[in-house]
PDB file of N, CA and C in Angstrom:
ATOM      1  N   MET A   1     -18.546 -16.992  63.230  1.00  0.00           N
ATOM      2  CA  MET A   1     -17.365 -16.473  63.274  1.00  0.00           C
ATOM      3  C   MET A   1     -16.223 -16.188  62.059  1.00  0.00           C
ATOM      4  N   PHE A   2     -16.159 -15.000  61.581  1.00  0.00           N
ATOM      5  CA  PHE A   2     -15.065 -14.926  60.534  1.00  0.00           C
ATOM      6  C   PHE A   2     -13.900 -14.764  60.923  1.00  0.00           C
ATOM      7  N   THR A   3     -13.164 -15.663  60.611  1.00  0.00           N
ATOM      8  CA  THR A   3     -11.814 -15.837  61.148  1.00  0.00           C
ATOM      9  C   THR A   3     -10.625 -15.420  59.771  1.00  0.00           C
ATOM     10  N   LEU A   4      -9.116 -15.168  60.666  1.00  0.00           N
ATOM     11  CA  LEU A   4      -8.439 -14.567  60.151  1.00  0.00           C
ATOM     12  C   LEU A   4      -8.278 -15.805  58.282  1.00  0.00           C
ATOM     13  N   GLU A   5      -8.016 -17.155  58.415  1.00  0.00           N
ATOM     14  CA  GLU A   5      -7.974 -18.064  57.772  1.00  0.00           C
ATOM     15  C   GLU A   5      -9.555 -17.721  56.816  1.00  0.00           C
ATOM     16  N   ASP A   6     -10.858 -17.392  57.108  1.00  0.00           N
ATOM     17  CA  ASP A   6     -11.662 -17.399  56.558  1.00  0.00           C
ATOM     18  C   ASP A   6     -11.250 -15.949  54.975  1.00  0.00           C
ATOM     19  N   LEU A   7     -10.874 -15.282  55.692  1.00  0.00           N
ATOM     20  CA  LEU A   7     -10.458 -14.069  54.684  1.00  0.00           C
ATOM     21  C   LEU A   7      -9.328 -14.715  54.237  1.00  0.00           C
ATOM     22  N   ARG A   8      -8.320 -15.223  54.430  1.00  0.00           N
ATOM     23  CA  ARG A   8      -7.092 -15.340  53.177  1.00  0.00           C
ATOM     24  C   ARG A   8      -7.783 -16.474  52.169  1.00  0.00           C
ATOM     25  N   GLN A   9      -9.109 -16.881  52.304  1.00  0.00           N
ATOM     26  CA  GLN A   9      -9.299 -18.010  51.556  1.00  0.00           C
ATOM     27  C   GLN A   9     -10.276 -16.798  50.513  1.00  0.00           C
ATOM     28  N   THR A  10     -10.709 -15.622  50.544  1.00  0.00           N
ATOM     29  CA  THR A  10     -11.215 -14.543  50.066  1.00  0.00           C
ATOM     30  C   THR A  10     -10.863 -14.460  48.783  1.00  0.00           C
ATOM     31  N   ARG A  11     -11.683 -14.294  47.502  1.00  0.00           N
ATOM     32  CA  ARG A  11     -11.079 -13.897  46.292  1.00  0.00           C
ATOM     33  C   ARG A  11     -10.345 -12.419  46.417  1.00  0.00           C
ATOM     34  N   SER A  12     -10.540 -11.209  47.315  1.00  0.00           N
ATOM     35  CA  SER A  12     -10.612 -10.295  47.208  1.00  0.00           C
ATOM     36  C   SER A  12      -8.773 -10.515  47.802  1.00  0.00           C
ATOM     37  N   PHE A  13      -8.619 -11.085  48.969  1.00  0.00           N
ATOM     38  CA  PHE A  13      -7.645 -11.268  49.940  1.00  0.00           C
ATOM     39  C   PHE A  13      -6.545 -11.780  48.752  1.00  0.00           C
ATOM     40  N   GLN A  14      -6.658 -13.101  47.777  1.00  0.00           N
ATOM     41  CA  GLN A  14      -6.174 -13.691  46.888  1.00  0.00           C
ATOM     42  C   GLN A  14      -5.608 -12.483  46.103  1.00  0.00           C
ATOM     43  N   GLN A  15      -6.391 -11.847  45.469  1.00  0.00           N
ATOM     44  CA  GLN A  15      -5.848 -10.777  44.491  1.00  0.00           C
ATOM     45  C   GLN A  15      -4.674  -9.928  44.948  1.00  0.00           C
ATOM     46  N   ALA A  16      -5.498  -9.161  46.263  1.00  0.00           N
ATOM     47  CA  ALA A  16      -4.637  -7.919  46.790  1.00  0.00           C
ATOM     48  C   ALA A  16      -2.978  -8.901  47.059  1.00  0.00           C
ATOM     49  N   LEU A  17      -3.050  -9.920  47.349  1.00  0.00           N
ATOM     50  CA  LEU A  17      -2.140 -10.274  47.774  1.00  0.00           C
ATOM     51  C   LEU A  17      -1.001 -10.714  46.858  1.00  0.00           C
ATOM     52  N   ALA A  18      -1.528 -11.149  45.621  1.00  0.00           N
ATOM     53  CA  ALA A  18      -1.413 -11.503  44.173  1.00  0.00           C
ATOM     54  C   ALA A  18      -0.522  -9.984  43.757  1.00  0.00           C
ATOM     55  N   GLU A  19      -1.197  -8.948  43.750  1.00  0.00           N
ATOM     56  CA  GLU A  19      -0.814  -7.535  43.208  1.00  0.00           C
ATOM     57  C   GLU A  19       0.366  -6.983  44.722  1.00  0.00           C
ATOM     58  N   GLY A  20       0.099  -7.381  45.204  1.00  0.00           N
ATOM     59  CA  GLY A  20       1.569  -6.973  46.732  1.00  0.00           C
ATOM     60  C   GLY A  20       2.885  -7.929  45.841  1.00  0.00           C
ATOM     61  N   HIS A  21       2.154  -8.785  45.681  1.00  0.00           N
ATOM     62  CA  HIS A  21       3.923  -9.758  45.205  1.00  0.00           C
ATOM     63  C   HIS A  21       4.692  -9.259  43.924  1.00  0.00           C
ATOM     64  N   HIS A  22       3.183  -8.671  42.955  1.00  0.00           N
ATOM     65  CA  HIS A  22       3.797  -8.498  41.805  1.00  0.00           C
ATOM     66  C   HIS A  22       4.545  -6.763  41.880  1.00  0.00           C
ATOM     67  N   GLN A  23       3.814  -6.084  42.636  1.00  0.00           N
ATOM     68  CA  GLN A  23       4.709  -4.741  42.961  1.00  0.00           C
ATOM     69  C   GLN A  23       5.955  -5.319  43.839  1.00  0.00           C
ATOM     70  N   GLY A  24       6.158  -5.671  44.734  1.00  0.00           N
ATOM     71  CA  GLY A  24       7.395  -5.937  45.687  1.00  0.00           C
ATOM     72  C   GLY A  24       8.425  -6.728  44.226  1.00  0.00           C
ATOM     73  N   ARG A  25       8.124  -6.938  43.782  1.00  0.00           N
ATOM     74  CA  ARG A  25       9.013  -8.076  42.315  1.00  0.00           C
ATOM     75  C   ARG A  25       8.949  -7.014  41.764  1.00  0.00           C
ATOM     76  N   GLN A  26       8.466  -6.009  41.212  1.00  0.00           N
ATOM     77  CA  GLN A  26       8.878  -4.515  40.039  1.00  0.00           C
ATOM     78  C   GLN A  26       9.763  -3.941  40.892  1.00  0.00           C
ATOM     79  N   GLU A  27       9.203  -3.584  42.014  1.00  0.00           N
ATOM     80  CA  GLU A  27      10.592  -2.958  42.863  1.00  0.00           C
ATOM     81  C   GLU A  27      11.752  -2.924  43.211  1.00  0.00           C
ATOM     82  N   GLY A  28      11.798  -4.618  43.502  1.00  0.00           N
ATOM     83  CA  GLY A  28      13.138  -5.638  43.425  1.00  0.00           C
ATOM     84  C   GLY A  28      13.756  -4.962  42.519  1.00  0.00           C
ATOM     85  N   GLU A  29      12.847  -5.394  40.895  1.00  0.00           N
ATOM     86  CA  GLU A  29      13.570  -5.112  39.567  1.00  0.00           C
ATOM     87  C   GLU A  29      14.460  -3.990  39.589  1.00  0.00           C
ATOM     88  N   CYS A  30      13.352  -3.069  40.095  1.00  0.00           N
ATOM     89  CA  CYS A  30      13.913  -1.753  39.452  1.00  0.00           C
ATOM     90  C   CYS A  30      15.135  -1.011  40.446  1.00  0.00           C
ATOM     91  N   GLN A  31      14.622  -1.588  42.029  1.00  0.00           N
ATOM     92  CA  GLN A  31      16.249  -1.098  42.752  1.00  0.00           C
ATOM     93  C   GLN A  31      17.726  -2.125  41.769  1.00  0.00           C
ATOM     94  N   LEU A  32      16.977  -3.393  41.640  1.00  0.00           N
ATOM     95  CA  LEU A  32      18.613  -3.746  40.997  1.00  0.00           C
ATOM     96  C   LEU A  32      19.224  -3.514  40.002  1.00  0.00           C
ATOM     97  N   LEU A  33      18.344  -2.666  38.775  1.00  0.00           N
ATOM     98  CA  LEU A  33      18.415  -1.947  37.862  1.00  0.00           C
ATOM     99  C   LEU A  33      18.927  -0.629  37.874  1.00  0.00           C
ATOM    100  N   LEU A  34      18.459  -0.031  39.070  1.00  0.00           N
ATOM    101  CA  LEU A  34      19.171   1.186  39.686  1.00  0.00           C
ATOM    102  C   LEU A  34      20.840   1.174  39.962  1.00  0.00           C
ATOM    103  N   ARG A  35      20.752  -0.407  40.966  1.00  0.00           N
ATOM    104  CA  ARG A  35      22.282  -0.486  41.512  1.00  0.00           C
ATOM    105  C   ARG A  35      23.291  -0.745  40.494  1.00  0.00           C
ATOM    106  N   LEU A  36      22.978  -1.525  39.518  1.00  0.00           N
ATOM    107  CA  LEU A  36      23.567  -1.434  38.685  1.00  0.00           C
ATOM    108  C   LEU A  36      24.218  -0.649  37.513  1.00  0.00           C
ATOM    109  N   MET A  37      23.443   0.254  37.421  1.00  0.00           N
ATOM    110  CA  MET A  37      23.614   1.832  36.842  1.00  0.00           C
ATOM    111  C   MET A  37      24.677   2.345  37.180  1.00  0.00           C
ATOM    112  N   GLU A  38      24.006   2.880  38.968  1.00  0.00           N
ATOM    113  CA  GLU A  38      24.685   3.211  39.893  1.00  0.00           C
ATOM    114  C   GLU A  38      25.988   2.594  39.831  1.00  0.00           C
ATOM    115  N   GLY A  39      26.607   1.515  39.725  1.00  0.00           N
ATOM    116  CA  GLY A  39      27.610   0.648  39.856  1.00  0.00           C
ATOM    117  C   GLY A  39      28.817   0.869  38.342  1.00  0.00           C
ATOM    118  N   ARG A  40      27.904   1.153  37.341  1.00  0.00           N
ATOM    119  CA  ARG A  40      28.986   1.585  36.318  1.00  0.00           C
ATOM    120  C   ARG A  40      28.734   2.463  35.684  1.00  0.00           C
ATOM    121  N   PHE A  41      27.899   3.150  36.177  1.00  0.00           N
ATOM    122  CA  PHE A  41      27.963   5.089  35.404  1.00  0.00           C
ATOM    123  C   PHE A  41      28.092   5.767  36.452  1.00  0.00           C
ATOM    124  N   GLY A  42      27.455   5.688  37.994  1.00  0.00           N
ATOM    125  CA  GLY A  42      27.983   6.370  39.114  1.00  0.00           C
ATOM    126  C   GLY A  42      26.283   6.967  39.417  1.00  0.00           C
ATOM    127  N   PRO A  43      26.202   8.042  40.597  1.00  0.00           N
ATOM    128  CA  PRO A  43      25.194   8.631  40.517  1.00  0.00           C
ATOM    129  C   PRO A  43      23.948   8.578  39.378  1.00  0.00           C
ATOM    130  N   VAL A  44      22.498   8.283  39.445  1.00  0.00           N
ATOM    131  CA  VAL A  44      21.421   8.380  38.655  1.00  0.00           C
ATOM    132  C   VAL A  44      20.898   9.355  39.136  1.00  0.00           C
ATOM    133  N   GLY A  45      20.380  10.580  38.034  1.00  0.00           N
ATOM    134  CA  GLY A  45      19.660  11.266  38.521  1.00  0.00           C
ATOM    135  C   GLY A  45      18.434  11.491  38.767  1.00  0.00           C
ATOM    136  N   ASP A  46      17.599  11.988  39.362  1.00  0.00           N
ATOM    137  CA  ASP A  46      16.002  11.916  40.262  1.00  0.00           C
ATOM    138  C   ASP A  46      15.590  11.715  38.702  1.00  0.00           C
ATOM    139  N   ARG A  47      15.244  12.787  37.694  1.00  0.00           N
ATOM    140  CA  ARG A  47      14.652  12.528  36.185  1.00  0.00           C
ATOM    141  C   ARG A  47      14.715  10.901  35.973  1.00  0.00           C
ATOM    142  N   LEU A  48      15.319  10.826  35.576  1.00  0.00           N
ATOM    143  CA  LEU A  48      16.192   9.471  34.985  1.00  0.00           C
ATOM    144  C   LEU A  48      15.418   8.016  36.333  1.00  0.00           C
ATOM    145  N   ARG A  49      15.859   8.522  37.493  1.00  0.00           N
ATOM    146  CA  ARG A  49      15.148   7.248  38.647  1.00  0.00           C
ATOM    147  C   ARG A  49      13.537   7.315  38.733  1.00  0.00           C
ATOM    148  N   GLN A  50      12.881   8.662  37.999  1.00  0.00           N
ATOM    149  CA  GLN A  50      11.805   8.585  38.079  1.00  0.00           C
ATOM    150  C   GLN A  50      11.027   7.766  36.871  1.00  0.00           C
ATOM    151  N   GLN A  51      12.062   8.266  36.091  1.00  0.00           N
ATOM    152  CA  GLN A  51      11.429   7.449  34.433  1.00  0.00           C
ATOM    153  C   GLN A  51      11.249   5.774  34.780  1.00  0.00           C
ATOM    154  N   ILE A  52      12.624   5.559  35.374  1.00  0.00           N
ATOM    155  CA  ILE A  52      12.970   3.814  35.714  1.00  0.00           C
ATOM    156  C   ILE A  52      11.645   3.517  36.417  1.00  0.00           C
ATOM    157  N   GLN A  53      11.311   4.089  37.490  1.00  0.00           N
ATOM    158  CA  GLN A  53      10.271   3.729  38.508  1.00  0.00           C
ATOM    159  C   GLN A  53       9.268   3.919  37.881  1.00  0.00           C
ATOM    160  N   ALA A  54       9.399   4.264  37.007  1.00  0.00           N
ATOM    161  CA  ALA A  54       7.350   4.464  35.962  1.00  0.00           C
ATOM    162  C   ALA A  54       7.522   2.960  35.340  1.00  0.00           C
ATOM    163  N   LEU A  55       8.558   2.595  34.760  1.00  0.00           N
ATOM    164  CA  LEU A  55       8.284   1.429  33.665  1.00  0.00           C
ATOM    165  C   LEU A  55       7.697   0.344  34.555  1.00  0.00           C
ATOM    166  N   SER A  56       7.402  -1.041  33.624  1.00  0.00           N
ATOM    167  CA  SER A  56       6.608  -2.162  33.766  1.00  0.00           C
ATOM    168  C   SER A  56       7.606  -2.829  33.961  1.00  0.00           C
ATOM    169  N   SER A  57       7.474  -3.700  34.507  1.00  0.00           N
ATOM    170  CA  SER A  57       8.034  -4.913  34.957  1.00  0.00           C
ATOM    171  C   SER A  57       8.894  -5.479  33.689  1.00  0.00           C
ATOM    172  N   GLU A  58       8.106  -5.711  31.986  1.00  0.00           N
ATOM    173  CA  GLU A  58       8.885  -5.948  31.154  1.00  0.00           C
ATOM    174  C   GLU A  58       9.558  -4.492  30.830  1.00  0.00           C
ATOM    175  N   GLN A  59       9.097  -3.641  30.800  1.00  0.00           N
ATOM    176  CA  GLN A  59      10.038  -2.638  30.397  1.00  0.00           C
ATOM    177  C   GLN A  59      11.643  -2.167  31.386  1.00  0.00           C
ATOM    178  N   ILE A  60      11.113  -2.863  32.534  1.00  0.00           N
ATOM    179  CA  ILE A  60      12.497  -2.838  33.276  1.00  0.00           C
ATOM    180  C   ILE A  60      13.634  -4.097  32.773  1.00  0.00           C
ATOM    181  N   GLU A  61      12.883  -5.378  32.745  1.00  0.00           N
ATOM    182  CA  GLU A  61      13.663  -6.192  31.907  1.00  0.00           C
ATOM    183  C   GLU A  61      14.458  -5.636  30.365  1.00  0.00           C
ATOM    184  N   ALA A  62      13.525  -5.012  29.084  1.00  0.00           N
ATOM    185  CA  ALA A  62      14.375  -4.723  28.011  1.00  0.00           C
ATOM    186  C   ALA A  62      15.070  -3.798  28.586  1.00  0.00           C
ATOM    187  N   LEU A  63      15.220  -2.580  29.429  1.00  0.00           N
ATOM    188  CA  LEU A  63      16.043  -1.939  29.666  1.00  0.00           C
ATOM    189  C   LEU A  63      17.275  -2.492  30.025  1.00  0.00           C
ATOM    190  N   GLY A  64      17.141  -3.563  31.016  1.00  0.00           N
ATOM    191  CA  GLY A  64      18.136  -4.172  31.441  1.00  0.00           C
ATOM    192  C   GLY A  64      18.994  -4.700  30.544  1.00  0.00           C
ATOM    193  N   LEU A  65      18.413  -5.357  29.572  1.00  0.00           N
ATOM    194  CA  LEU A  65      19.171  -5.931  28.596  1.00  0.00           C
ATOM    195  C   LEU A  65      19.682  -4.949  27.850  1.00  0.00           C
ATOM    196  N   TYR A  66      19.282  -4.386  27.422  1.00  0.00           N
ATOM    197  CA  TYR A  66      19.939  -2.553  26.921  1.00  0.00           C
ATOM    198  C   TYR A  66      20.766  -2.246  27.499  1.00  0.00           C
ATOM    199  N   LEU A  67      21.075  -2.159  28.765  1.00  0.00           N
ATOM    200  CA  LEU A  67      22.125  -1.745  29.390  1.00  0.00           C
ATOM    201  C   LEU A  67      23.512  -2.076  29.513  1.00  0.00           C
ATOM    202  N   TRP A  68      23.540  -3.714  28.511  1.00  0.00           N
ATOM    203  CA  TRP A  68      24.531  -3.878  28.252  1.00  0.00           C
ATOM    204  C   TRP A  68      25.440  -3.366  26.761  1.00  0.00           C
ATOM    205  N   GLU A  69      24.794  -2.691  26.047  1.00  0.00           N
ATOM    206  CA  GLU A  69      24.988  -1.897  25.232  1.00  0.00           C
ATOM    207  C   GLU A  69      25.815  -0.524  25.223  1.00  0.00           C
ATOM    208  N   CYS A  70      24.691   0.088  26.485  1.00  0.00           N
ATOM    209  CA  CYS A  70      25.216   1.789  26.994  1.00  0.00           C
ATOM    210  C   CYS A  70      26.816   1.609  27.182  1.00  0.00           C
ATOM    211  N   GLN A  71      27.302   2.515  27.113  1.00  0.00           N
ATOM    212  CA  GLN A  71      28.893   2.724  27.600  1.00  0.00           C
ATOM    213  C   GLN A  71      28.453   4.252  28.352  1.00  0.00           C
ATOM    214  N   THR A  72      27.691   4.973  28.544  1.00  0.00           N
ATOM    215  CA  THR A  72      27.565   6.340  29.081  1.00  0.00           C
ATOM    216  C   THR A  72      26.049   6.121  29.709  1.00  0.00           C
ATOM    217  N   ILE A  73      25.649   6.958  30.855  1.00  0.00           N
ATOM    218  CA  ILE A  73      24.679   7.053  31.122  1.00  0.00           C
ATOM    219  C   ILE A  73      23.597   8.281  30.125  1.00  0.00           C
ATOM    220  N   ALA A  74      23.898   9.051  29.359  1.00  0.00           N
ATOM    221  CA  ALA A  74      23.599   9.723  28.416  1.00  0.00           C
ATOM    222  C   ALA A  74      22.608   8.741  27.330  1.00  0.00           C
ATOM    223  N   ASP A  75      23.835   7.261  27.408  1.00  0.00           N
ATOM    224  CA  ASP A  75      23.076   6.310  26.480  1.00  0.00           C
ATOM    225  C   ASP A  75      21.981   5.816  26.892  1.00  0.00           C
ATOM    226  N   VAL A  76      21.851   5.606  28.507  1.00  0.00           N
ATOM    227  CA  VAL A  76      20.335   4.999  28.850  1.00  0.00           C
ATOM    228  C   VAL A  76      19.758   6.089  28.809  1.00  0.00           C
ATOM    229  N   GLU A  77      19.679   7.472  29.119  1.00  0.00           N
ATOM    230  CA  GLU A  77      18.577   8.455  28.814  1.00  0.00           C
ATOM    231  C   GLU A  77      17.951   8.431  27.534  1.00  0.00           C
ATOM    232  N   ALA A  78      18.999   7.857  26.476  1.00  0.00           N
ATOM    233  CA  ALA A  78      18.395   7.386  25.014  1.00  0.00           C
ATOM    234  C   ALA A  78      17.669   6.686  24.824  1.00  0.00           C
ATOM    235  N   TRP A  79      17.494   5.860  25.551  1.00  0.00           N
ATOM    236  CA  TRP A  79      16.764   4.315  25.265  1.00  0.00           C
ATOM    237  C   TRP A  79      15.321   4.948  24.705  1.00  0.00           C
ATOM    238  N   PRO A  80      15.028   4.147  23.690  1.00  0.00           N
ATOM    239  CA  PRO A  80      13.930   4.034  23.095  1.00  0.00           C
ATOM    240  C   PRO A  80      12.625   4.113  23.709  1.00  0.00           C
ATOM    241  N   GLY A  81      12.886   3.137  24.522  1.00  0.00           N
ATOM    242  CA  GLY A  81      11.561   2.981  25.809  1.00  0.00           C
ATOM    243  C   GLY A  81      11.291   3.880  26.406  1.00  0.00           C
ATOM    244  N   PHE A  82      12.214   4.904  26.847  1.00  0.00           N
ATOM    245  CA  PHE A  82      11.566   6.249  27.041  1.00  0.00           C
ATOM    246  C   PHE A  82      10.500   7.274  26.435  1.00  0.00           C
ATOM    247  N   LEU A  83      11.107   7.097  25.254  1.00  0.00           N
ATOM    248  CA  LEU A  83      10.167   7.806  24.054  1.00  0.00           C
ATOM    249  C   LEU A  83       8.635   7.727  24.479  1.00  0.00           C
ATOM    250  N   GLY A  84       8.337   6.337  24.362  1.00  0.00           N
ATOM    251  CA  GLY A  84       6.949   6.051  23.903  1.00  0.00           C
ATOM    252  C   GLY A  84       6.293   6.046  25.206  1.00  0.00           C
TER     253      GLY A  84
END
């Protein structure tokens, strides 16, 4: 009989688990970045929110570092990473 533990040992399950962890981490990074931006600049518009949510973890990190240089939400919107 195939048990839950047997399922957990399969490559497919391990890959799905790793992907779920990656997506969860990326969503958490995105939410933290948005909260920081809202705390500093006020509400973030839907367009900018969608752009941020479409970023990879590496891009979220880069934008987070760039955020230190920003004085306004317009500076954030002009981030070169959104243009590529």
